Amino acid sequence: MIKFNKKQVLKSVKTTTKTFLYKLKPEVKKITFNNSLNLPIINLSVKIIKSIGFINAYISRKKDK
């Protein structure tokens, strides 16, 4: 059985999340500008970005401990 180091796992999750956010930003901008009348899509994109920010904050707090 493979045992993972907690710091390595947190670092990989944080890196994956940042990569996902970086790739997501242009797509979110395209969706919001192309469908400016479709408000649920804008609200969804804001919720996605806020949730990713929460994940990054949670990971950084865990890392400090």
PDB file of N, CA and C in Angstrom:
ATOM      1  N   MET A   1       0.838  -1.184   0.000  1.00  0.00           N
ATOM      2  CA  MET A   1       0.000   0.000   0.000  1.00  0.00           C
ATOM      3  C   MET A   1       0.884   1.249   0.000  1.00  0.00           C
ATOM      4  N   ILE A   2       0.518   2.196  -0.824  1.00  0.00           N
ATOM      5  CA  ILE A   2       1.288   3.432  -0.933  1.00  0.00           C
ATOM      6  C   ILE A   2       0.789   4.421   0.113  1.00  0.00           C
ATOM      7  N   LYS A   3       1.732   4.973   0.877  1.00  0.00           N
ATOM      8  CA  LYS A   3       1.373   6.000   1.851  1.00  0.00           C
ATOM      9  C   LYS A   3       1.815   7.352   1.300  1.00  0.00           C
ATOM     10  N   PHE A   4       0.883   8.290   1.269  1.00  0.00           N
ATOM     11  CA  PHE A   4       1.174   9.608   0.739  1.00  0.00           C
ATOM     12  C   PHE A   4       1.535  10.559   1.868  1.00  0.00           C
ATOM     13  N   ASN A   5       2.499  11.416   1.583  1.00  0.00           N
ATOM     14  CA  ASN A   5       2.857  12.468   2.514  1.00  0.00           C
ATOM     15  C   ASN A   5       1.779  13.551   2.439  1.00  0.00           C
ATOM     16  N   LYS A   6       1.296  13.996   3.576  1.00  0.00           N
ATOM     17  CA  LYS A   6       0.196  14.965   3.625  1.00  0.00           C
ATOM     18  C   LYS A   6       0.562  16.259   2.899  1.00  0.00           C
ATOM     19  N   LYS A   7       1.780  16.737   3.078  1.00  0.00           N
ATOM     20  CA  LYS A   7       2.202  17.981   2.431  1.00  0.00           C
ATOM     21  C   LYS A   7       2.248  17.832   0.915  1.00  0.00           C
ATOM     22  N   GLN A   8       2.691  16.680   0.433  1.00  0.00           N
ATOM     23  CA  GLN A   8       2.744  16.452  -1.011  1.00  0.00           C
ATOM     24  C   GLN A   8       1.348  16.432  -1.613  1.00  0.00           C
ATOM     25  N   VAL A   9       0.413  15.809  -0.914  1.00  0.00           N
ATOM     26  CA  VAL A   9      -0.967  15.740  -1.411  1.00  0.00           C
ATOM     27  C   VAL A   9      -1.577  17.133  -1.452  1.00  0.00           C
ATOM     28  N   LEU A  10      -1.399  17.914  -0.388  1.00  0.00           N
ATOM     29  CA  LEU A  10      -1.946  19.272  -0.358  1.00  0.00           C
ATOM     30  C   LEU A  10      -1.330  20.137  -1.451  1.00  0.00           C
ATOM     31  N   LYS A  11      -0.031  19.976  -1.681  1.00  0.00           N
ATOM     32  CA  LYS A  11       0.641  20.756  -2.721  1.00  0.00           C
ATOM     33  C   LYS A  11       0.104  20.392  -4.102  1.00  0.00           C
ATOM     34  N   SER A  12      -0.105  19.116  -4.350  1.00  0.00           N
ATOM     35  CA  SER A  12      -0.614  18.703  -5.658  1.00  0.00           C
ATOM     36  C   SER A  12      -2.053  19.165  -5.862  1.00  0.00           C
ATOM     37  N   VAL A  13      -2.857  19.134  -4.803  1.00  0.00           N
ATOM     38  CA  VAL A  13      -4.244  19.616  -4.913  1.00  0.00           C
ATOM     39  C   VAL A  13      -4.254  21.112  -5.188  1.00  0.00           C
ATOM     40  N   LYS A  14      -3.403  21.853  -4.498  1.00  0.00           N
ATOM     41  CA  LYS A  14      -3.337  23.302  -4.693  1.00  0.00           C
ATOM     42  C   LYS A  14      -2.882  23.633  -6.112  1.00  0.00           C
ATOM     43  N   THR A  15      -1.879  22.926  -6.604  1.00  0.00           N
ATOM     44  CA  THR A  15      -1.387  23.147  -7.961  1.00  0.00           C
ATOM     45  C   THR A  15      -2.457  22.820  -8.991  1.00  0.00           C
ATOM     46  N   THR A  16      -3.150  21.712  -8.789  1.00  0.00           N
ATOM     47  CA  THR A  16      -4.217  21.322  -9.708  1.00  0.00           C
ATOM     48  C   THR A  16      -5.332  22.352  -9.707  1.00  0.00           C
ATOM     49  N   THR A  17      -5.684  22.857  -8.540  1.00  0.00           N
ATOM     50  CA  THR A  17      -6.745  23.861  -8.433  1.00  0.00           C
ATOM     51  C   THR A  17      -6.344  25.148  -9.131  1.00  0.00           C
ATOM     52  N   LYS A  18      -5.102  25.585  -8.937  1.00  0.00           N
ATOM     53  CA  LYS A  18      -4.641  26.810  -9.591  1.00  0.00           C
ATOM     54  C   LYS A  18      -4.605  26.638 -11.104  1.00  0.00           C
ATOM     55  N   THR A  19      -4.173  25.471 -11.568  1.00  0.00           N
ATOM     56  CA  THR A  19      -4.153  25.202 -13.003  1.00  0.00           C
ATOM     57  C   THR A  19      -5.563  25.223 -13.566  1.00  0.00           C
ATOM     58  N   PHE A  20      -6.493  24.605 -12.852  1.00  0.00           N
ATOM     59  CA  PHE A  20      -7.891  24.595 -13.280  1.00  0.00           C
ATOM     60  C   PHE A  20      -8.445  26.013 -13.350  1.00  0.00           C
ATOM     61  N   LEU A  21      -8.145  26.831 -12.344  1.00  0.00           N
ATOM     62  CA  LEU A  21      -8.627  28.209 -12.320  1.00  0.00           C
ATOM     63  C   LEU A  21      -8.036  29.002 -13.481  1.00  0.00           C
ATOM     64  N   TYR A  22      -6.748  28.807 -13.758  1.00  0.00           N
ATOM     65  CA  TYR A  22      -6.085  29.515 -14.853  1.00  0.00           C
ATOM     66  C   TYR A  22      -6.722  29.155 -16.193  1.00  0.00           C
ATOM     67  N   LYS A  23      -7.040  27.875 -16.376  1.00  0.00           N
ATOM     68  CA  LYS A  23      -7.674  27.439 -17.616  1.00  0.00           C
ATOM     69  C   LYS A  23      -9.134  27.867 -17.676  1.00  0.00           C
ATOM     70  N   LEU A  24      -9.763  28.024 -16.540  1.00  0.00           N
ATOM     71  CA  LEU A  24     -11.181  28.353 -16.485  1.00  0.00           C
ATOM     72  C   LEU A  24     -11.443  29.830 -16.769  1.00  0.00           C
ATOM     73  N   LYS A  25     -10.542  30.695 -16.375  1.00  0.00           N
ATOM     74  CA  LYS A  25     -10.778  32.134 -16.489  1.00  0.00           C
ATOM     75  C   LYS A  25     -11.176  32.582 -17.898  1.00  0.00           C
ATOM     76  N   PRO A  26     -10.445  32.243 -18.965  1.00  0.00           N
ATOM     77  CA  PRO A  26     -10.860  32.691 -20.300  1.00  0.00           C
ATOM     78  C   PRO A  26     -12.231  32.153 -20.698  1.00  0.00           C
ATOM     79  N   GLU A  27     -12.516  30.914 -20.314  1.00  0.00           N
ATOM     80  CA  GLU A  27     -13.813  30.329 -20.659  1.00  0.00           C
ATOM     81  C   GLU A  27     -14.942  31.052 -19.933  1.00  0.00           C
ATOM     82  N   VAL A  28     -14.725  31.390 -18.685  1.00  0.00           N
ATOM     83  CA  VAL A  28     -15.748  32.108 -17.922  1.00  0.00           C
ATOM     84  C   VAL A  28     -15.991  33.477 -18.540  1.00  0.00           C
ATOM     85  N   LYS A  29     -14.911  34.144 -18.951  1.00  0.00           N
ATOM     86  CA  LYS A  29     -15.063  35.455 -19.585  1.00  0.00           C
ATOM     87  C   LYS A  29     -15.865  35.340 -20.875  1.00  0.00           C
ATOM     88  N   LYS A  30     -15.577  34.330 -21.692  1.00  0.00           N
ATOM     89  CA  LYS A  30     -16.318  34.143 -22.945  1.00  0.00           C
ATOM     90  C   LYS A  30     -17.795  33.901 -22.665  1.00  0.00           C
ATOM     91  N   ILE A  31     -18.078  33.060 -21.692  1.00  0.00           N
ATOM     92  CA  ILE A  31     -19.474  32.743 -21.371  1.00  0.00           C
ATOM     93  C   ILE A  31     -20.203  33.996 -20.888  1.00  0.00           C
ATOM     94  N   THR A  32     -19.576  34.767 -20.015  1.00  0.00           N
ATOM     95  CA  THR A  32     -20.269  35.927 -19.447  1.00  0.00           C
ATOM     96  C   THR A  32     -20.469  37.019 -20.485  1.00  0.00           C
ATOM     97  N   PHE A  33     -19.506  37.229 -21.379  1.00  0.00           N
ATOM     98  CA  PHE A  33     -19.671  38.275 -22.382  1.00  0.00           C
ATOM     99  C   PHE A  33     -20.605  37.846 -23.513  1.00  0.00           C
ATOM    100  N   ASN A  34     -20.563  36.589 -23.905  1.00  0.00           N
ATOM    101  CA  ASN A  34     -21.423  36.118 -24.989  1.00  0.00           C
ATOM    102  C   ASN A  34     -22.874  35.986 -24.556  1.00  0.00           C
ATOM    103  N   ASN A  35     -23.097  35.678 -23.306  1.00  0.00           N
ATOM    104  CA  ASN A  35     -24.460  35.476 -22.807  1.00  0.00           C
ATOM    105  C   ASN A  35     -24.770  36.470 -21.697  1.00  0.00           C
ATOM    106  N   SER A  36     -24.563  37.737 -21.977  1.00  0.00           N
ATOM    107  CA  SER A  36     -24.747  38.742 -20.929  1.00  0.00           C
ATOM    108  C   SER A  36     -26.193  38.843 -20.455  1.00  0.00           C
ATOM    109  N   LEU A  37     -27.147  38.407 -21.287  1.00  0.00           N
ATOM    110  CA  LEU A  37     -28.546  38.448 -20.875  1.00  0.00           C
ATOM    111  C   LEU A  37     -28.937  37.230 -20.048  1.00  0.00           C
ATOM    112  N   ASN A  38     -28.118  36.206 -20.101  1.00  0.00           N
ATOM    113  CA  ASN A  38     -28.425  34.969 -19.382  1.00  0.00           C
ATOM    114  C   ASN A  38     -27.767  35.036 -18.002  1.00  0.00           C
ATOM    115  N   LEU A  39     -28.443  35.620 -17.052  1.00  0.00           N
ATOM    116  CA  LEU A  39     -27.866  35.878 -15.730  1.00  0.00           C
ATOM    117  C   LEU A  39     -27.490  34.634 -14.933  1.00  0.00           C
ATOM    118  N   PRO A  40     -28.213  33.517 -15.020  1.00  0.00           N
ATOM    119  CA  PRO A  40     -27.784  32.345 -14.246  1.00  0.00           C
ATOM    120  C   PRO A  40     -26.371  31.873 -14.586  1.00  0.00           C
ATOM    121  N   ILE A  41     -25.952  32.034 -15.835  1.00  0.00           N
ATOM    122  CA  ILE A  41     -24.592  31.623 -16.211  1.00  0.00           C
ATOM    123  C   ILE A  41     -23.569  32.525 -15.526  1.00  0.00           C
ATOM    124  N   ILE A  42     -23.847  33.820 -15.472  1.00  0.00           N
ATOM    125  CA  ILE A  42     -22.927  34.739 -14.792  1.00  0.00           C
ATOM    126  C   ILE A  42     -22.846  34.386 -13.309  1.00  0.00           C
ATOM    127  N   ASN A  43     -23.988  34.143 -12.690  1.00  0.00           N
ATOM    128  CA  ASN A  43     -24.001  33.783 -11.272  1.00  0.00           C
ATOM    129  C   ASN A  43     -23.260  32.478 -11.029  1.00  0.00           C
ATOM    130  N   LEU A  44     -23.402  31.528 -11.938  1.00  0.00           N
ATOM    131  CA  LEU A  44     -22.707  30.250 -11.804  1.00  0.00           C
ATOM    132  C   LEU A  44     -21.200  30.444 -11.888  1.00  0.00           C
ATOM    133  N   SER A  45     -20.734  31.282 -12.829  1.00  0.00           N
ATOM    134  CA  SER A  45     -19.296  31.509 -12.962  1.00  0.00           C
ATOM    135  C   SER A  45     -18.731  32.172 -11.713  1.00  0.00           C
ATOM    136  N   VAL A  46     -19.477  33.093 -11.123  1.00  0.00           N
ATOM    137  CA  VAL A  46     -19.029  33.749  -9.892  1.00  0.00           C
ATOM    138  C   VAL A  46     -18.961  32.734  -8.755  1.00  0.00           C
ATOM    139  N   LYS A  47     -19.955  31.848  -8.675  1.00  0.00           N
ATOM    140  CA  LYS A  47     -19.949  30.821  -7.631  1.00  0.00           C
ATOM    141  C   LYS A  47     -18.762  29.882  -7.795  1.00  0.00           C
ATOM    142  N   ILE A  48     -18.435  29.521  -9.039  1.00  0.00           N
ATOM    143  CA  ILE A  48     -17.296  28.629  -9.288  1.00  0.00           C
ATOM    144  C   ILE A  48     -16.005  29.292  -8.829  1.00  0.00           C
ATOM    145  N   ILE A  49     -15.817  30.549  -9.189  1.00  0.00           N
ATOM    146  CA  ILE A  49     -14.590  31.254  -8.809  1.00  0.00           C
ATOM    147  C   ILE A  49     -14.501  31.400  -7.289  1.00  0.00           C
ATOM    148  N   LYS A  50     -15.627  31.722  -6.630  1.00  0.00           N
ATOM    149  CA  LYS A  50     -15.619  31.853  -5.169  1.00  0.00           C
ATOM    150  C   LYS A  50     -15.311  30.518  -4.503  1.00  0.00           C
ATOM    151  N   SER A  51     -15.857  29.434  -5.036  1.00  0.00           N
ATOM    152  CA  SER A  51     -15.604  28.132  -4.421  1.00  0.00           C
ATOM    153  C   SER A  51     -14.148  27.729  -4.587  1.00  0.00           C
ATOM    154  N   ILE A  52     -13.549  28.066  -5.718  1.00  0.00           N
ATOM    155  CA  ILE A  52     -12.133  27.751  -5.915  1.00  0.00           C
ATOM    156  C   ILE A  52     -11.283  28.587  -4.963  1.00  0.00           C
ATOM    157  N   GLY A  53     -11.664  29.848  -4.756  1.00  0.00           N
ATOM    158  CA  GLY A  53     -10.965  30.690  -3.785  1.00  0.00           C
ATOM    159  C   GLY A  53     -11.059  30.114  -2.387  1.00  0.00           C
ATOM    160  N   PHE A  54     -12.218  29.569  -2.043  1.00  0.00           N
ATOM    161  CA  PHE A  54     -12.402  28.941  -0.738  1.00  0.00           C
ATOM    162  C   PHE A  54     -11.494  27.723  -0.607  1.00  0.00           C
ATOM    163  N   ILE A  55     -11.377  26.936  -1.665  1.00  0.00           N
ATOM    164  CA  ILE A  55     -10.509  25.754  -1.637  1.00  0.00           C
ATOM    165  C   ILE A  55      -9.064  26.175  -1.408  1.00  0.00           C
ATOM    166  N   ASN A  56      -8.607  27.222  -2.110  1.00  0.00           N
ATOM    167  CA  ASN A  56      -7.236  27.695  -1.930  1.00  0.00           C
ATOM    168  C   ASN A  56      -7.004  28.191  -0.506  1.00  0.00           C
ATOM    169  N   ALA A  57      -7.980  28.908   0.061  1.00  0.00           N
ATOM    170  CA  ALA A  57      -7.842  29.404   1.432  1.00  0.00           C
ATOM    171  C   ALA A  57      -7.803  28.245   2.417  1.00  0.00           C
ATOM    172  N   TYR A  58      -8.630  27.243   2.190  1.00  0.00           N
ATOM    173  CA  TYR A  58      -8.668  26.078   3.067  1.00  0.00           C
ATOM    174  C   TYR A  58      -7.337  25.333   3.021  1.00  0.00           C
ATOM    175  N   ILE A  59      -6.787  25.168   1.829  1.00  0.00           N
ATOM    176  CA  ILE A  59      -5.515  24.456   1.685  1.00  0.00           C
ATOM    177  C   ILE A  59      -4.399  25.241   2.361  1.00  0.00           C
ATOM    178  N   SER A  60      -4.378  26.566   2.193  1.00  0.00           N
ATOM    179  CA  SER A  60      -3.307  27.354   2.802  1.00  0.00           C
ATOM    180  C   SER A  60      -3.405  27.333   4.326  1.00  0.00           C
ATOM    181  N   ARG A  61      -4.628  27.311   4.880  1.00  0.00           N
ATOM    182  CA  ARG A  61      -4.770  27.220   6.334  1.00  0.00           C
ATOM    183  C   ARG A  61      -4.283  25.876   6.841  1.00  0.00           C
ATOM    184  N   LYS A  62      -4.580  24.815   6.115  1.00  0.00           N
ATOM    185  CA  LYS A  62      -4.121  23.485   6.513  1.00  0.00           C
ATOM    186  C   LYS A  62      -2.600  23.412   6.454  1.00  0.00           C
ATOM    187  N   LYS A  63      -2.018  24.085   5.463  1.00  0.00           N
ATOM    188  CA  LYS A  63      -0.574  24.044   5.276  1.00  0.00           C
ATOM    189  C   LYS A  63       0.145  24.736   6.435  1.00  0.00           C
ATOM    190  N   ASP A  64      -0.446  25.809   6.959  1.00  0.00           N
ATOM    191  CA  ASP A  64       0.176  26.547   8.056  1.00  0.00           C
ATOM    192  C   ASP A  64       0.246  25.733   9.338  1.00  0.00           C
ATOM    193  N   LYS A  65      -0.707  24.853   9.541  1.00  0.00           N
ATOM    194  CA  LYS A  65      -0.753  24.065  10.780  1.00  0.00           C
ATOM    195  C   LYS A  65       0.225  22.991  10.764  1.00  0.00           C
TER     196      LYS A  65
END
